[in-house]
Amino acid sequence: MQLTVKQYDALEHAIARGHRIAVFRRGTEFLVIPERLVLRGRRECIEARHPTTGDHLTLWLDETDSVEVVR
């Protein structure tokens, strides 16, 4: 998946403000709090944590179907 400029802006605002995002991947929805948008090698990923357990997750953008900010 390639994010649009508008989606990048929304993701950056969610990271700065601590808002939740919904990431859909292979029919599964991940509701997480994004912490960083990182480039590793040639791949972008969102480093996030689970809002309830605090577990850290790495979500690769090229493996996701869609990303939405939850307000």
PDB file of N, CA and C in Angstrom:
ATOM      1  N   MET A   1       0.841  -1.176   0.000  1.00  0.00           N
ATOM      2  CA  MET A   1       0.000   0.000   0.000  1.00  0.00           C
ATOM      3  C   MET A   1       0.879   1.229   0.000  1.00  0.00           C
ATOM      4  N   GLN A   2       0.497   2.221  -0.754  1.00  0.00           N
ATOM      5  CA  GLN A   2       1.191   3.506  -0.785  1.00  0.00           C
ATOM      6  C   GLN A   2       0.248   4.554  -0.203  1.00  0.00           C
ATOM      7  N   LEU A   3       0.696   5.268   0.819  1.00  0.00           N
ATOM      8  CA  LEU A   3      -0.132   6.302   1.429  1.00  0.00           C
ATOM      9  C   LEU A   3      -0.134   7.563   0.573  1.00  0.00           C
ATOM     10  N   THR A   4      -1.261   8.266   0.604  1.00  0.00           N
ATOM     11  CA  THR A   4      -1.347   9.557  -0.068  1.00  0.00           C
ATOM     12  C   THR A   4      -0.771  10.623   0.864  1.00  0.00           C
ATOM     13  N   VAL A   5      -0.588  11.815   0.327  1.00  0.00           N
ATOM     14  CA  VAL A   5      -0.076  12.929   1.136  1.00  0.00           C
ATOM     15  C   VAL A   5      -1.031  13.213   2.293  1.00  0.00           C
ATOM     16  N   LYS A   6      -2.327  13.169   2.026  1.00  0.00           N
ATOM     17  CA  LYS A   6      -3.329  13.411   3.067  1.00  0.00           C
ATOM     18  C   LYS A   6      -3.257  12.348   4.170  1.00  0.00           C
ATOM     19  N   GLN A   7      -3.044  11.091   3.774  1.00  0.00           N
ATOM     20  CA  GLN A   7      -2.933  10.009   4.755  1.00  0.00           C
ATOM     21  C   GLN A   7      -1.654  10.141   5.585  1.00  0.00           C
ATOM     22  N   TYR A   8      -0.538  10.545   4.946  1.00  0.00           N
ATOM     23  CA  TYR A   8       0.694  10.782   5.693  1.00  0.00           C
ATOM     24  C   TYR A   8       0.498  11.890   6.724  1.00  0.00           C
ATOM     25  N   ASP A   9      -0.163  12.972   6.320  1.00  0.00           N
ATOM     26  CA  ASP A   9      -0.431  14.076   7.245  1.00  0.00           C
ATOM     27  C   ASP A   9      -1.271  13.612   8.428  1.00  0.00           C
ATOM     28  N   ALA A  10      -2.324  12.842   8.144  1.00  0.00           N
ATOM     29  CA  ALA A  10      -3.194  12.335   9.211  1.00  0.00           C
ATOM     30  C   ALA A  10      -2.417  11.410  10.145  1.00  0.00           C
ATOM     31  N   LEU A  11      -1.549  10.569   9.589  1.00  0.00           N
ATOM     32  CA  LEU A  11      -0.735   9.661  10.400  1.00  0.00           C
ATOM     33  C   LEU A  11       0.252  10.439  11.266  1.00  0.00           C
ATOM     34  N   GLU A  12       0.888  11.448  10.697  1.00  0.00           N
ATOM     35  CA  GLU A  12       1.832  12.267  11.462  1.00  0.00           C
ATOM     36  C   GLU A  12       1.136  13.003  12.602  1.00  0.00           C
ATOM     37  N   HIS A  13      -0.077  13.510  12.360  1.00  0.00           N
ATOM     38  CA  HIS A  13      -0.834  14.169  13.423  1.00  0.00           C
ATOM     39  C   HIS A  13      -1.226  13.176  14.515  1.00  0.00           C
ATOM     40  N   ALA A  14      -1.597  11.952  14.109  1.00  0.00           N
ATOM     41  CA  ALA A  14      -1.947  10.918  15.091  1.00  0.00           C
ATOM     42  C   ALA A  14      -0.740  10.568  15.952  1.00  0.00           C
ATOM     43  N   ILE A  15       0.440  10.505  15.352  1.00  0.00           N
ATOM     44  CA  ILE A  15       1.660  10.217  16.112  1.00  0.00           C
ATOM     45  C   ILE A  15       1.946  11.344  17.093  1.00  0.00           C
ATOM     46  N   ALA A  16       1.853  12.583  16.627  1.00  0.00           N
ATOM     47  CA  ALA A  16       2.157  13.741  17.475  1.00  0.00           C
ATOM     48  C   ALA A  16       1.171  13.897  18.628  1.00  0.00           C
ATOM     49  N   ARG A  17      -0.091  13.558  18.383  1.00  0.00           N
ATOM     50  CA  ARG A  17      -1.128  13.767  19.397  1.00  0.00           C
ATOM     51  C   ARG A  17      -1.502  12.516  20.183  1.00  0.00           C
ATOM     52  N   GLY A  18      -0.952  11.365  19.780  1.00  0.00           N
ATOM     53  CA  GLY A  18      -1.251  10.120  20.497  1.00  0.00           C
ATOM     54  C   GLY A  18      -2.628   9.561  20.185  1.00  0.00           C
ATOM     55  N   HIS A  19      -3.190   9.884  19.016  1.00  0.00           N
ATOM     56  CA  HIS A  19      -4.490   9.352  18.611  1.00  0.00           C
ATOM     57  C   HIS A  19      -4.333   7.925  18.093  1.00  0.00           C
ATOM     58  N   ARG A  20      -5.385   7.172  18.205  1.00  0.00           N
ATOM     59  CA  ARG A  20      -5.372   5.785  17.730  1.00  0.00           C
ATOM     60  C   ARG A  20      -5.533   5.728  16.221  1.00  0.00           C
ATOM     61  N   ILE A  21      -5.004   4.655  15.639  1.00  0.00           N
ATOM     62  CA  ILE A  21      -5.213   4.387  14.226  1.00  0.00           C
ATOM     63  C   ILE A  21      -5.706   2.953  14.074  1.00  0.00           C
ATOM     64  N   ALA A  22      -6.428   2.714  12.990  1.00  0.00           N
ATOM     65  CA  ALA A  22      -6.880   1.368  12.638  1.00  0.00           C
ATOM     66  C   ALA A  22      -6.101   0.951  11.402  1.00  0.00           C
ATOM     67  N   VAL A  23      -5.392  -0.152  11.517  1.00  0.00           N
ATOM     68  CA  VAL A  23      -4.622  -0.692  10.398  1.00  0.00           C
ATOM     69  C   VAL A  23      -5.269  -2.007  10.006  1.00  0.00           C
ATOM     70  N   PHE A  24      -5.639  -2.131   8.721  1.00  0.00           N
ATOM     71  CA  PHE A  24      -6.253  -3.350   8.219  1.00  0.00           C
ATOM     72  C   PHE A  24      -5.224  -4.129   7.412  1.00  0.00           C
ATOM     73  N   ARG A  25      -5.087  -5.407   7.767  1.00  0.00           N
ATOM     74  CA  ARG A  25      -4.109  -6.259   7.093  1.00  0.00           C
ATOM     75  C   ARG A  25      -4.680  -7.662   6.982  1.00  0.00           C
ATOM     76  N   ARG A  26      -4.844  -8.130   5.758  1.00  0.00           N
ATOM     77  CA  ARG A  26      -5.351  -9.485   5.487  1.00  0.00           C
ATOM     78  C   ARG A  26      -6.631  -9.806   6.255  1.00  0.00           C
ATOM     79  N   GLY A  27      -7.564  -8.863   6.295  1.00  0.00           N
ATOM     80  CA  GLY A  27      -8.842  -9.080   6.955  1.00  0.00           C
ATOM     81  C   GLY A  27      -8.837  -8.888   8.454  1.00  0.00           C
ATOM     82  N   THR A  28      -7.713  -8.494   9.032  1.00  0.00           N
ATOM     83  CA  THR A  28      -7.613  -8.279  10.467  1.00  0.00           C
ATOM     84  C   THR A  28      -7.427  -6.795  10.737  1.00  0.00           C
ATOM     85  N   GLU A  29      -8.130  -6.296  11.740  1.00  0.00           N
ATOM     86  CA  GLU A  29      -8.002  -4.897  12.112  1.00  0.00           C
ATOM     87  C   GLU A  29      -7.136  -4.785  13.368  1.00  0.00           C
ATOM     88  N   PHE A  30      -6.133  -3.930  13.304  1.00  0.00           N
ATOM     89  CA  PHE A  30      -5.284  -3.640  14.453  1.00  0.00           C
ATOM     90  C   PHE A  30      -5.597  -2.218  14.889  1.00  0.00           C
ATOM     91  N   LEU A  31      -6.070  -2.039  16.107  1.00  0.00           N
ATOM     92  CA  LEU A  31      -6.319  -0.719  16.662  1.00  0.00           C
ATOM     93  C   LEU A  31      -5.162  -0.415  17.595  1.00  0.00           C
ATOM     94  N   VAL A  32      -4.303   0.524  17.205  1.00  0.00           N
ATOM     95  CA  VAL A  32      -3.060   0.782  17.936  1.00  0.00           C
ATOM     96  C   VAL A  32      -2.817   2.282  18.093  1.00  0.00           C
ATOM     97  N   ILE A  33      -1.862   2.617  18.941  1.00  0.00           N
ATOM     98  CA  ILE A  33      -1.400   3.990  19.099  1.00  0.00           C
ATOM     99  C   ILE A  33      -0.029   4.087  18.430  1.00  0.00           C
ATOM    100  N   PRO A  34       0.069   4.834  17.329  1.00  0.00           N
ATOM    101  CA  PRO A  34       1.347   4.916  16.620  1.00  0.00           C
ATOM    102  C   PRO A  34       2.356   5.756  17.386  1.00  0.00           C
ATOM    103  N   GLU A  35       3.605   5.331  17.375  1.00  0.00           N
ATOM    104  CA  GLU A  35       4.667   6.083  18.047  1.00  0.00           C
ATOM    105  C   GLU A  35       5.648   6.695  17.068  1.00  0.00           C
ATOM    106  N   ARG A  36       5.945   5.975  15.980  1.00  0.00           N
ATOM    107  CA  ARG A  36       6.915   6.466  14.987  1.00  0.00           C
ATOM    108  C   ARG A  36       6.604   5.886  13.623  1.00  0.00           C
ATOM    109  N   LEU A  37       6.948   6.648  12.600  1.00  0.00           N
ATOM    110  CA  LEU A  37       6.931   6.169  11.231  1.00  0.00           C
ATOM    111  C   LEU A  37       8.390   6.066  10.829  1.00  0.00           C
ATOM    112  N   VAL A  38       8.839   4.858  10.474  1.00  0.00           N
ATOM    113  CA  VAL A  38      10.263   4.601  10.294  1.00  0.00           C
ATOM    114  C   VAL A  38      10.518   3.968   8.932  1.00  0.00           C
ATOM    115  N   LEU A  39      11.684   4.257   8.386  1.00  0.00           N
ATOM    116  CA  LEU A  39      12.146   3.617   7.164  1.00  0.00           C
ATOM    117  C   LEU A  39      13.247   2.640   7.565  1.00  0.00           C
ATOM    118  N   ARG A  40      13.021   1.351   7.305  1.00  0.00           N
ATOM    119  CA  ARG A  40      14.004   0.309   7.606  1.00  0.00           C
ATOM    120  C   ARG A  40      14.382  -0.373   6.309  1.00  0.00           C
ATOM    121  N   GLY A  41      15.630  -0.202   5.940  1.00  0.00           N
ATOM    122  CA  GLY A  41      16.026  -0.695   4.625  1.00  0.00           C
ATOM    123  C   GLY A  41      15.311   0.141   3.589  1.00  0.00           C
ATOM    124  N   ARG A  42      14.510  -0.492   2.778  1.00  0.00           N
ATOM    125  CA  ARG A  42      13.701   0.219   1.784  1.00  0.00           C
ATOM    126  C   ARG A  42      12.219   0.121   2.098  1.00  0.00           C
ATOM    127  N   ARG A  43      11.870  -0.263   3.319  1.00  0.00           N
ATOM    128  CA  ARG A  43      10.476  -0.461   3.704  1.00  0.00           C
ATOM    129  C   ARG A  43      10.083   0.490   4.813  1.00  0.00           C
ATOM    130  N   GLU A  44       8.863   1.013   4.721  1.00  0.00           N
ATOM    131  CA  GLU A  44       8.335   1.879   5.777  1.00  0.00           C
ATOM    132  C   GLU A  44       7.524   1.046   6.754  1.00  0.00           C
ATOM    133  N   CYS A  45       7.622   1.408   8.017  1.00  0.00           N
ATOM    134  CA  CYS A  45       6.815   0.728   9.025  1.00  0.00           C
ATOM    135  C   CYS A  45       6.334   1.718  10.064  1.00  0.00           C
ATOM    136  N   ILE A  46       5.259   1.340  10.714  1.00  0.00           N
ATOM    137  CA  ILE A  46       4.718   2.108  11.826  1.00  0.00           C
ATOM    138  C   ILE A  46       5.071   1.345  13.087  1.00  0.00           C
ATOM    139  N   GLU A  47       5.795   1.989  13.976  1.00  0.00           N
ATOM    140  CA  GLU A  47       6.045   1.394  15.287  1.00  0.00           C
ATOM    141  C   GLU A  47       4.936   1.905  16.186  1.00  0.00           C
ATOM    142  N   ALA A  48       4.226   0.961  16.801  1.00  0.00           N
ATOM    143  CA  ALA A  48       3.040   1.308  17.568  1.00  0.00           C
ATOM    144  C   ALA A  48       2.968   0.472  18.832  1.00  0.00           C
ATOM    145  N   ARG A  49       2.009   0.818  19.687  1.00  0.00           N
ATOM    146  CA  ARG A  49       1.770   0.002  20.874  1.00  0.00           C
ATOM    147  C   ARG A  49       0.280  -0.243  21.018  1.00  0.00           C
ATOM    148  N   HIS A  50      -0.043  -1.365  21.603  1.00  0.00           N
ATOM    149  CA  HIS A  50      -1.431  -1.738  21.846  1.00  0.00           C
ATOM    150  C   HIS A  50      -1.963  -0.841  22.959  1.00  0.00           C
ATOM    151  N   PRO A  51      -3.139  -0.241  22.809  1.00  0.00           N
ATOM    152  CA  PRO A  51      -3.625   0.706  23.812  1.00  0.00           C
ATOM    153  C   PRO A  51      -3.947   0.095  25.178  1.00  0.00           C
ATOM    154  N   THR A  52      -4.257  -1.185  25.218  1.00  0.00           N
ATOM    155  CA  THR A  52      -4.617  -1.819  26.486  1.00  0.00           C
ATOM    156  C   THR A  52      -3.426  -2.496  27.155  1.00  0.00           C
ATOM    157  N   THR A  53      -2.689  -3.299  26.406  1.00  0.00           N
ATOM    158  CA  THR A  53      -1.600  -4.079  26.993  1.00  0.00           C
ATOM    159  C   THR A  53      -0.262  -3.358  26.974  1.00  0.00           C
ATOM    160  N   GLY A  54      -0.104  -2.388  26.070  1.00  0.00           N
ATOM    161  CA  GLY A  54       1.169  -1.687  25.955  1.00  0.00           C
ATOM    162  C   GLY A  54       2.204  -2.439  25.133  1.00  0.00           C
ATOM    163  N   ASP A  55       1.825  -3.591  24.573  1.00  0.00           N
ATOM    164  CA  ASP A  55       2.751  -4.361  23.736  1.00  0.00           C
ATOM    165  C   ASP A  55       3.140  -3.553  22.505  1.00  0.00           C
ATOM    166  N   HIS A  56       4.410  -3.655  22.111  1.00  0.00           N
ATOM    167  CA  HIS A  56       4.903  -2.949  20.940  1.00  0.00           C
ATOM    168  C   HIS A  56       4.681  -3.789  19.686  1.00  0.00           C
ATOM    169  N   LEU A  57       4.286  -3.113  18.598  1.00  0.00           N
ATOM    170  CA  LEU A  57       4.029  -3.765  17.320  1.00  0.00           C
ATOM    171  C   LEU A  57       4.759  -3.014  16.219  1.00  0.00           C
ATOM    172  N   THR A  58       5.208  -3.747  15.228  1.00  0.00           N
ATOM    173  CA  THR A  58       5.767  -3.150  14.023  1.00  0.00           C
ATOM    174  C   THR A  58       4.856  -3.551  12.878  1.00  0.00           C
ATOM    175  N   LEU A  59       4.253  -2.560  12.236  1.00  0.00           N
ATOM    176  CA  LEU A  59       3.319  -2.791  11.140  1.00  0.00           C
ATOM    177  C   LEU A  59       3.930  -2.251   9.860  1.00  0.00           C
ATOM    178  N   TRP A  60       4.229  -3.138   8.922  1.00  0.00           N
ATOM    179  CA  TRP A  60       4.862  -2.759   7.665  1.00  0.00           C
ATOM    180  C   TRP A  60       3.809  -2.211   6.715  1.00  0.00           C
ATOM    181  N   LEU A  61       4.061  -1.027   6.162  1.00  0.00           N
ATOM    182  CA  LEU A  61       3.082  -0.389   5.286  1.00  0.00           C
ATOM    183  C   LEU A  61       2.840  -1.176   4.009  1.00  0.00           C
ATOM    184  N   ASP A  62       3.854  -1.838   3.485  1.00  0.00           N
ATOM    185  CA  ASP A  62       3.646  -2.592   2.250  1.00  0.00           C
ATOM    186  C   ASP A  62       2.839  -3.872   2.457  1.00  0.00           C
ATOM    187  N   GLU A  63       2.556  -4.220   3.705  1.00  0.00           N
ATOM    188  CA  GLU A  63       1.741  -5.398   4.016  1.00  0.00           C
ATOM    189  C   GLU A  63       0.331  -5.029   4.431  1.00  0.00           C
ATOM    190  N   THR A  64       0.011  -3.735   4.506  1.00  0.00           N
ATOM    191  CA  THR A  64      -1.293  -3.304   4.975  1.00  0.00           C
ATOM    192  C   THR A  64      -2.236  -3.039   3.808  1.00  0.00           C
ATOM    193  N   ASP A  65      -3.527  -3.189   4.079  1.00  0.00           N
ATOM    194  CA  ASP A  65      -4.555  -2.892   3.094  1.00  0.00           C
ATOM    195  C   ASP A  65      -5.010  -1.441   3.210  1.00  0.00           C
ATOM    196  N   SER A  66      -5.140  -0.937   4.451  1.00  0.00           N
ATOM    197  CA  SER A  66      -5.517   0.460   4.649  1.00  0.00           C
ATOM    198  C   SER A  66      -5.147   0.908   6.062  1.00  0.00           C
ATOM    199  N   VAL A  67      -5.022   2.224   6.199  1.00  0.00           N
ATOM    200  CA  VAL A  67      -4.701   2.849   7.485  1.00  0.00           C
ATOM    201  C   VAL A  67      -5.662   4.011   7.669  1.00  0.00           C
ATOM    202  N   GLU A  68      -6.340   4.068   8.827  1.00  0.00           N
ATOM    203  CA  GLU A  68      -7.279   5.136   9.107  1.00  0.00           C
ATOM    204  C   GLU A  68      -7.045   5.660  10.522  1.00  0.00           C
ATOM    205  N   VAL A  69      -7.154   6.972  10.681  1.00  0.00           N
ATOM    206  CA  VAL A  69      -7.052   7.583  12.011  1.00  0.00           C
ATOM    207  C   VAL A  69      -8.424   7.505  12.653  1.00  0.00           C
ATOM    208  N   VAL A  70      -8.469   7.042  13.900  1.00  0.00           N
ATOM    209  CA  VAL A  70      -9.708   6.928  14.657  1.00  0.00           C
ATOM    210  C   VAL A  70      -9.828   8.155  15.530  1.00  0.00           C
ATOM    211  N   ARG A  71     -10.935   8.851  15.417  1.00  0.00           N
ATOM    212  CA  ARG A  71     -11.130  10.082  16.209  1.00  0.00           C
ATOM    213  C   ARG A  71     -12.216   9.890  17.230  1.00  0.00           C
TER     214      ARG A  71
END
